[in-house]
Amino acid sequence: METYYDPSDLGKFEEIGQEAPELAKKFFEYYGAVFSEGALSEREKALIALAVAHTIQCPYCIDAYTRASLEKGSNLEEMTEAVHVANAIRGGAALAHGVQMRKIARKLSM
């Protein structure tokens, strides 16, 4: 089945730097540093990235961080819970913006 997002394109990610190699180098150095072991483990960082990937709805990121989470030792239960946390925050943020809607509606109704 042909889709807009071709999973094989994920392997071509580094090609993004061909026309701007210095910028790509800086990005990939930063990216590598961010995902290195630090105050958070590589496993925890992969779970965070997986949750964020679902929030921003990036299929390439979902593929990459599903794989990374599994490789770093997470299981499907933990990964699913991380996705639910992201969903709760995203849904809560949408509801919180309802306060803005109510404020404007009240102002316009006067």
C-alpha atoms as a PDB file:
ATOM      1  CA  MET A   1       0.000   0.000   0.000  1.00  0.00           C
ATOM      2  CA  GLU A   2       1.444   3.344  -1.009  1.00  0.00           C
ATOM      3  CA  THR A   3       1.271   6.109   1.579  1.00  0.00           C
ATOM      4  CA  TYR A   4       2.516   9.679   1.852  1.00  0.00           C
ATOM      5  CA  TYR A   5       4.939   8.645   4.586  1.00  0.00           C
ATOM      6  CA  ASP A   6       7.256   5.949   3.291  1.00  0.00           C
ATOM      7  CA  PRO A   7       8.864   4.149   6.256  1.00  0.00           C
ATOM      8  CA  SER A   8      12.020   3.589   4.221  1.00  0.00           C
ATOM      9  CA  ASP A   9      12.506   7.378   4.073  1.00  0.00           C
ATOM     10  CA  LEU A  10      13.463   7.397   7.750  1.00  0.00           C
ATOM     11  CA  GLY A  11      16.807   5.872   6.791  1.00  0.00           C
ATOM     12  CA  LYS A  12      17.467   8.871   4.558  1.00  0.00           C
ATOM     13  CA  PHE A  13      17.208  11.410   7.388  1.00  0.00           C
ATOM     14  CA  GLU A  14      20.890  12.327   7.357  1.00  0.00           C
ATOM     15  CA  GLU A  15      20.574  13.365   3.699  1.00  0.00           C
ATOM     16  CA  ILE A  16      18.841  16.511   4.942  1.00  0.00           C
ATOM     17  CA  GLY A  17      22.302  17.953   5.515  1.00  0.00           C
ATOM     18  CA  GLN A  18      23.602  17.609   1.962  1.00  0.00           C
ATOM     19  CA  GLU A  19      22.893  21.203   1.011  1.00  0.00           C
ATOM     20  CA  ALA A  20      23.672  22.657   4.456  1.00  0.00           C
ATOM     21  CA  PRO A  21      26.362  20.414   5.949  1.00  0.00           C
ATOM     22  CA  GLU A  22      27.491  22.779   8.721  1.00  0.00           C
ATOM     23  CA  LEU A  23      23.950  23.267  10.005  1.00  0.00           C
ATOM     24  CA  ALA A  24      23.282  19.534   9.818  1.00  0.00           C
ATOM     25  CA  LYS A  25      26.507  18.803  11.681  1.00  0.00           C
ATOM     26  CA  LYS A  26      25.470  21.169  14.478  1.00  0.00           C
ATOM     27  CA  PHE A  27      21.993  19.667  14.659  1.00  0.00           C
ATOM     28  CA  PHE A  28      23.216  16.067  14.754  1.00  0.00           C
ATOM     29  CA  GLU A  29      25.834  16.901  17.417  1.00  0.00           C
ATOM     30  CA  TYR A  30      23.137  18.546  19.546  1.00  0.00           C
ATOM     31  CA  TYR A  31      20.715  15.694  18.904  1.00  0.00           C
ATOM     32  CA  GLY A  32      23.311  13.144  19.950  1.00  0.00           C
ATOM     33  CA  ALA A  33      24.097  15.072  23.124  1.00  0.00           C
ATOM     34  CA  VAL A  34      20.421  15.383  24.031  1.00  0.00           C
ATOM     35  CA  PHE A  35      19.842  11.633  23.787  1.00  0.00           C
ATOM     36  CA  SER A  36      23.015  10.655  25.648  1.00  0.00           C
ATOM     37  CA  GLU A  37      22.825   9.309  29.182  1.00  0.00           C
ATOM     38  CA  GLY A  38      22.519  12.183  31.648  1.00  0.00           C
ATOM     39  CA  ALA A  39      20.199  12.973  34.540  1.00  0.00           C
ATOM     40  CA  LEU A  40      17.701  10.902  32.554  1.00  0.00           C
ATOM     41  CA  SER A  41      18.586   7.480  31.210  1.00  0.00           C
ATOM     42  CA  GLU A  42      18.603   6.799  27.476  1.00  0.00           C
ATOM     43  CA  ARG A  43      15.554   4.591  28.099  1.00  0.00           C
ATOM     44  CA  GLU A  44      13.638   7.422  29.787  1.00  0.00           C
ATOM     45  CA  LYS A  45      14.568   9.829  27.004  1.00  0.00           C
ATOM     46  CA  ALA A  46      13.343   7.368  24.372  1.00  0.00           C
ATOM     47  CA  LEU A  47       9.989   7.069  26.192  1.00  0.00           C
ATOM     48  CA  ILE A  48       9.668  10.856  26.367  1.00  0.00           C
ATOM     49  CA  ALA A  49      10.493  11.093  22.662  1.00  0.00           C
ATOM     50  CA  LEU A  50       7.902   8.407  21.901  1.00  0.00           C
ATOM     51  CA  ALA A  51       5.215  10.321  23.781  1.00  0.00           C
ATOM     52  CA  VAL A  52       6.148  13.603  22.095  1.00  0.00           C
ATOM     53  CA  ALA A  53       6.185  11.862  18.702  1.00  0.00           C
ATOM     54  CA  HIS A  54       2.558  10.918  19.215  1.00  0.00           C
ATOM     55  CA  THR A  55       1.688  14.438  20.315  1.00  0.00           C
ATOM     56  CA  ILE A  56       3.222  15.998  17.193  1.00  0.00           C
ATOM     57  CA  GLN A  57       1.897  13.084  15.118  1.00  0.00           C
ATOM     58  CA  CYS A  58       5.195  12.351  13.322  1.00  0.00           C
ATOM     59  CA  PRO A  59       5.039   8.841  11.853  1.00  0.00           C
ATOM     60  CA  TYR A  60       8.795   8.745  11.301  1.00  0.00           C
ATOM     61  CA  CYS A  61       9.394   9.699  14.939  1.00  0.00           C
ATOM     62  CA  ILE A  62       6.849   7.138  16.129  1.00  0.00           C
ATOM     63  CA  ASP A  63       8.687   4.440  14.161  1.00  0.00           C
ATOM     64  CA  ALA A  64      12.105   5.561  15.378  1.00  0.00           C
ATOM     65  CA  TYR A  65      11.195   5.933  19.045  1.00  0.00           C
ATOM     66  CA  THR A  66       9.107   2.776  19.188  1.00  0.00           C
ATOM     67  CA  ARG A  67      12.225   0.954  18.041  1.00  0.00           C
ATOM     68  CA  ALA A  68      14.491   2.964  20.381  1.00  0.00           C
ATOM     69  CA  SER A  69      12.216   2.386  23.362  1.00  0.00           C
ATOM     70  CA  LEU A  70      12.237  -1.355  22.773  1.00  0.00           C
ATOM     71  CA  GLU A  71      15.998  -1.408  22.212  1.00  0.00           C
ATOM     72  CA  LYS A  72      16.568   0.543  25.453  1.00  0.00           C
ATOM     73  CA  GLY A  73      14.513  -1.963  27.455  1.00  0.00           C
ATOM     74  CA  SER A  74      10.997  -0.558  27.588  1.00  0.00           C
ATOM     75  CA  ASN A  75       8.038  -2.842  27.131  1.00  0.00           C
ATOM     76  CA  LEU A  76       4.722  -2.327  25.375  1.00  0.00           C
ATOM     77  CA  GLU A  77       2.912  -1.579  28.639  1.00  0.00           C
ATOM     78  CA  GLU A  78       5.327   1.258  29.503  1.00  0.00           C
ATOM     79  CA  MET A  79       5.229   2.613  25.962  1.00  0.00           C
ATOM     80  CA  THR A  80       1.437   2.573  25.894  1.00  0.00           C
ATOM     81  CA  GLU A  81       1.303   4.367  29.241  1.00  0.00           C
ATOM     82  CA  ALA A  82       3.693   7.044  27.919  1.00  0.00           C
ATOM     83  CA  VAL A  83       1.376   7.586  24.939  1.00  0.00           C
ATOM     84  CA  HIS A  84      -1.597   7.918  27.313  1.00  0.00           C
ATOM     85  CA  VAL A  85       0.303  10.524  29.357  1.00  0.00           C
ATOM     86  CA  ALA A  86       0.918  12.523  26.174  1.00  0.00           C
ATOM     87  CA  ASN A  87      -2.750  12.176  25.241  1.00  0.00           C
ATOM     88  CA  ALA A  88      -3.890  13.395  28.657  1.00  0.00           C
ATOM     89  CA  ILE A  89      -1.657  16.474  28.443  1.00  0.00           C
ATOM     90  CA  ARG A  90      -2.733  17.260  24.887  1.00  0.00           C
ATOM     91  CA  GLY A  91      -6.411  16.757  25.718  1.00  0.00           C
ATOM     92  CA  GLY A  92      -6.091  18.745  28.924  1.00  0.00           C
ATOM     93  CA  ALA A  93      -4.429  21.599  27.055  1.00  0.00           C
ATOM     94  CA  ALA A  94      -7.319  21.697  24.572  1.00  0.00           C
ATOM     95  CA  LEU A  95      -9.805  21.832  27.443  1.00  0.00           C
ATOM     96  CA  ALA A  96      -7.776  24.485  29.268  1.00  0.00           C
ATOM     97  CA  HIS A  97      -8.027  26.681  26.188  1.00  0.00           C
ATOM     98  CA  GLY A  98     -11.782  26.431  26.675  1.00  0.00           C
ATOM     99  CA  VAL A  99     -11.300  29.061  29.381  1.00  0.00           C
ATOM    100  CA  GLN A 100     -10.197  31.471  26.642  1.00  0.00           C
ATOM    101  CA  MET A 101     -13.230  30.568  24.537  1.00  0.00           C
ATOM    102  CA  ARG A 102     -15.558  31.143  27.494  1.00  0.00           C
ATOM    103  CA  LYS A 103     -13.959  34.512  28.270  1.00  0.00           C
ATOM    104  CA  ILE A 104     -14.358  35.710  24.665  1.00  0.00           C
ATOM    105  CA  ALA A 105     -17.896  34.354  24.408  1.00  0.00           C
ATOM    106  CA  ARG A 106     -18.903  36.174  27.601  1.00  0.00           C
ATOM    107  CA  LYS A 107     -17.290  39.394  26.400  1.00  0.00           C
ATOM    108  CA  LEU A 108     -19.027  39.219  23.009  1.00  0.00           C
ATOM    109  CA  SER A 109     -22.377  38.315  24.576  1.00  0.00           C
ATOM    110  CA  MET A 110     -22.508  41.476  26.678  1.00  0.00           C
END
